[in-house]
Amino acid sequence: MQLPEDQLRAGHIPADLYRQIPPGTDLRSVVIVQQAPRSYKGPIVLTLVVVTGSVAVLLVVAYLVQVIAGAAVAVLSATGGLSYTINRTSKRKTSKSA
């Protein structure tokens, strides 16, 4: 038993706590309360839920963008598409020589 926690579990009272007990106290009735060890289960589960939710939202957004793009292509091809013409007029300077 090297650790104080091991001593407390075995029922031994460490010397620093023994000095704090008032004289005349029955040591068999002394109860030492320890703080419970920290549990990391909650923060780990919360992190996993947040990451999973973020990935799910990104996948849904990517799927919706793909569906909207496919619908736009289908509508454009059904209506004959968009026509866009560029008219380039030549801008020649005509020099008048007399």
C-alpha atoms as a PDB file:
ATOM      1  CA  MET A   1       0.000   0.000   0.000  1.00  0.00           C
ATOM      2  CA  GLN A   2       1.960   2.943  -1.259  1.00  0.00           C
ATOM      3  CA  LEU A   3      -0.781   5.325  -2.271  1.00  0.00           C
ATOM      4  CA  PRO A   4      -2.999   7.162   0.248  1.00  0.00           C
ATOM      5  CA  GLU A   5      -6.082   5.915  -1.634  1.00  0.00           C
ATOM      6  CA  ASP A   6      -4.979   2.329  -1.017  1.00  0.00           C
ATOM      7  CA  GLN A   7      -4.568   3.074   2.684  1.00  0.00           C
ATOM      8  CA  LEU A   8      -8.027   4.612   2.911  1.00  0.00           C
ATOM      9  CA  ARG A   9      -9.599   1.665   1.095  1.00  0.00           C
ATOM     10  CA  ALA A  10      -7.925  -0.705   3.536  1.00  0.00           C
ATOM     11  CA  GLY A  11      -9.334   1.242   6.495  1.00  0.00           C
ATOM     12  CA  HIS A  12      -6.103   2.894   7.624  1.00  0.00           C
ATOM     13  CA  ILE A  13      -6.220   6.517   8.696  1.00  0.00           C
ATOM     14  CA  PRO A  14      -3.287   8.584   7.401  1.00  0.00           C
ATOM     15  CA  ALA A  15      -1.255  10.473   9.993  1.00  0.00           C
ATOM     16  CA  ASP A  16      -2.309  13.949   8.810  1.00  0.00           C
ATOM     17  CA  LEU A  17      -5.988  13.009   9.141  1.00  0.00           C
ATOM     18  CA  TYR A  18      -5.358  11.224  12.422  1.00  0.00           C
ATOM     19  CA  ARG A  19      -4.073  14.485  13.934  1.00  0.00           C
ATOM     20  CA  GLN A  20      -7.298  16.279  12.952  1.00  0.00           C
ATOM     21  CA  ILE A  21      -9.550  13.832  14.824  1.00  0.00           C
ATOM     22  CA  PRO A  22     -10.559  15.227  18.235  1.00  0.00           C
ATOM     23  CA  PRO A  23      -9.245  13.297  21.254  1.00  0.00           C
ATOM     24  CA  GLY A  24     -11.626  10.733  22.690  1.00  0.00           C
ATOM     25  CA  THR A  25     -13.233   9.915  19.328  1.00  0.00           C
ATOM     26  CA  ASP A  26     -13.923   6.261  18.643  1.00  0.00           C
ATOM     27  CA  LEU A  27     -11.818   5.549  15.546  1.00  0.00           C
ATOM     28  CA  ARG A  28     -14.111   2.696  14.556  1.00  0.00           C
ATOM     29  CA  SER A  29     -16.901   5.217  13.928  1.00  0.00           C
ATOM     30  CA  VAL A  30     -14.759   7.553  11.781  1.00  0.00           C
ATOM     31  CA  VAL A  31     -15.793   7.659   8.141  1.00  0.00           C
ATOM     32  CA  ILE A  32     -13.469   9.259   5.600  1.00  0.00           C
ATOM     33  CA  VAL A  33     -15.240  10.531   2.513  1.00  0.00           C
ATOM     34  CA  GLN A  34     -13.230  10.788  -0.686  1.00  0.00           C
ATOM     35  CA  GLN A  35     -14.031  12.712  -3.808  1.00  0.00           C
ATOM     36  CA  ALA A  36     -15.043  10.434  -6.645  1.00  0.00           C
ATOM     37  CA  PRO A  37     -12.554  10.176  -9.505  1.00  0.00           C
ATOM     38  CA  ARG A  38     -13.372  12.339 -12.496  1.00  0.00           C
ATOM     39  CA  SER A  39     -15.323  10.641 -15.239  1.00  0.00           C
ATOM     40  CA  TYR A  40     -14.419  11.604 -18.805  1.00  0.00           C
ATOM     41  CA  LYS A  41     -17.322   9.679 -20.323  1.00  0.00           C
ATOM     42  CA  GLY A  42     -19.604  12.726 -20.600  1.00  0.00           C
ATOM     43  CA  PRO A  43     -17.192  15.054 -22.451  1.00  0.00           C
ATOM     44  CA  ILE A  44     -16.055  12.243 -24.775  1.00  0.00           C
ATOM     45  CA  VAL A  45     -19.632  11.304 -25.679  1.00  0.00           C
ATOM     46  CA  LEU A  46     -20.524  14.984 -26.201  1.00  0.00           C
ATOM     47  CA  THR A  47     -17.540  15.446 -28.531  1.00  0.00           C
ATOM     48  CA  LEU A  48     -18.470  12.356 -30.538  1.00  0.00           C
ATOM     49  CA  VAL A  49     -22.094  13.514 -30.842  1.00  0.00           C
ATOM     50  CA  VAL A  50     -21.022  16.982 -32.033  1.00  0.00           C
ATOM     51  CA  VAL A  51     -18.570  15.572 -34.593  1.00  0.00           C
ATOM     52  CA  THR A  52     -21.100  13.012 -35.863  1.00  0.00           C
ATOM     53  CA  GLY A  53     -23.791  15.685 -36.131  1.00  0.00           C
ATOM     54  CA  SER A  54     -21.476  18.017 -38.028  1.00  0.00           C
ATOM     55  CA  VAL A  55     -20.523  15.284 -40.495  1.00  0.00           C
ATOM     56  CA  ALA A  56     -24.194  14.379 -40.972  1.00  0.00           C
ATOM     57  CA  VAL A  57     -25.118  18.021 -41.657  1.00  0.00           C
ATOM     58  CA  LEU A  58     -22.291  18.366 -44.185  1.00  0.00           C
ATOM     59  CA  LEU A  59     -23.362  15.168 -45.966  1.00  0.00           C
ATOM     60  CA  VAL A  60     -26.978  16.362 -46.159  1.00  0.00           C
ATOM     61  CA  VAL A  61     -25.891  19.758 -47.520  1.00  0.00           C
ATOM     62  CA  ALA A  62     -23.655  18.082 -50.133  1.00  0.00           C
ATOM     63  CA  TYR A  63     -26.511  15.784 -51.172  1.00  0.00           C
ATOM     64  CA  LEU A  64     -28.943  18.700 -51.471  1.00  0.00           C
ATOM     65  CA  VAL A  65     -26.479  20.684 -53.587  1.00  0.00           C
ATOM     66  CA  GLN A  66     -26.068  17.685 -55.868  1.00  0.00           C
ATOM     67  CA  VAL A  67     -29.851  17.220 -56.212  1.00  0.00           C
ATOM     68  CA  ILE A  68     -30.386  20.927 -56.927  1.00  0.00           C
ATOM     69  CA  ALA A  69     -27.601  20.936 -59.529  1.00  0.00           C
ATOM     70  CA  GLY A  70     -29.057  17.845 -61.207  1.00  0.00           C
ATOM     71  CA  ALA A  71     -32.517  19.397 -61.258  1.00  0.00           C
ATOM     72  CA  ALA A  72     -31.136  22.600 -62.741  1.00  0.00           C
ATOM     73  CA  VAL A  73     -29.371  20.671 -65.510  1.00  0.00           C
ATOM     74  CA  ALA A  74     -32.538  18.692 -66.218  1.00  0.00           C
ATOM     75  CA  VAL A  75     -34.652  21.846 -66.445  1.00  0.00           C
ATOM     76  CA  LEU A  76     -32.138  23.586 -68.691  1.00  0.00           C
ATOM     77  CA  SER A  77     -31.851  20.660 -71.064  1.00  0.00           C
ATOM     78  CA  ALA A  78     -35.638  20.222 -71.184  1.00  0.00           C
ATOM     79  CA  THR A  79     -36.204  23.870 -72.059  1.00  0.00           C
ATOM     80  CA  GLY A  80     -33.596  23.928 -74.761  1.00  0.00           C
ATOM     81  CA  GLY A  81     -30.850  25.344 -72.627  1.00  0.00           C
ATOM     82  CA  LEU A  82     -29.656  28.856 -72.339  1.00  0.00           C
ATOM     83  CA  SER A  83     -28.435  30.635 -75.352  1.00  0.00           C
ATOM     84  CA  TYR A  84     -25.862  33.299 -74.936  1.00  0.00           C
ATOM     85  CA  THR A  85     -24.330  35.046 -77.895  1.00  0.00           C
ATOM     86  CA  ILE A  86     -21.475  37.382 -77.944  1.00  0.00           C
ATOM     87  CA  ASN A  87     -21.632  39.972 -80.669  1.00  0.00           C
ATOM     88  CA  ARG A  88     -18.251  41.236 -81.517  1.00  0.00           C
ATOM     89  CA  THR A  89     -18.370  44.169 -83.787  1.00  0.00           C
ATOM     90  CA  SER A  90     -15.196  45.247 -85.355  1.00  0.00           C
ATOM     91  CA  LYS A  91     -14.164  48.668 -84.401  1.00  0.00           C
ATOM     92  CA  ARG A  92     -12.123  49.658 -87.398  1.00  0.00           C
ATOM     93  CA  LYS A  93     -11.198  53.199 -87.701  1.00  0.00           C
ATOM     94  CA  THR A  94     -11.846  54.321 -91.180  1.00  0.00           C
ATOM     95  CA  SER A  95      -9.427  56.905 -92.301  1.00  0.00           C
ATOM     96  CA  LYS A  96     -10.734  59.217 -94.956  1.00  0.00           C
ATOM     97  CA  SER A  97      -7.999  60.289 -97.255  1.00  0.00           C
ATOM     98  CA  ALA A  98      -8.829  62.838 -99.807  1.00  0.00           C
END
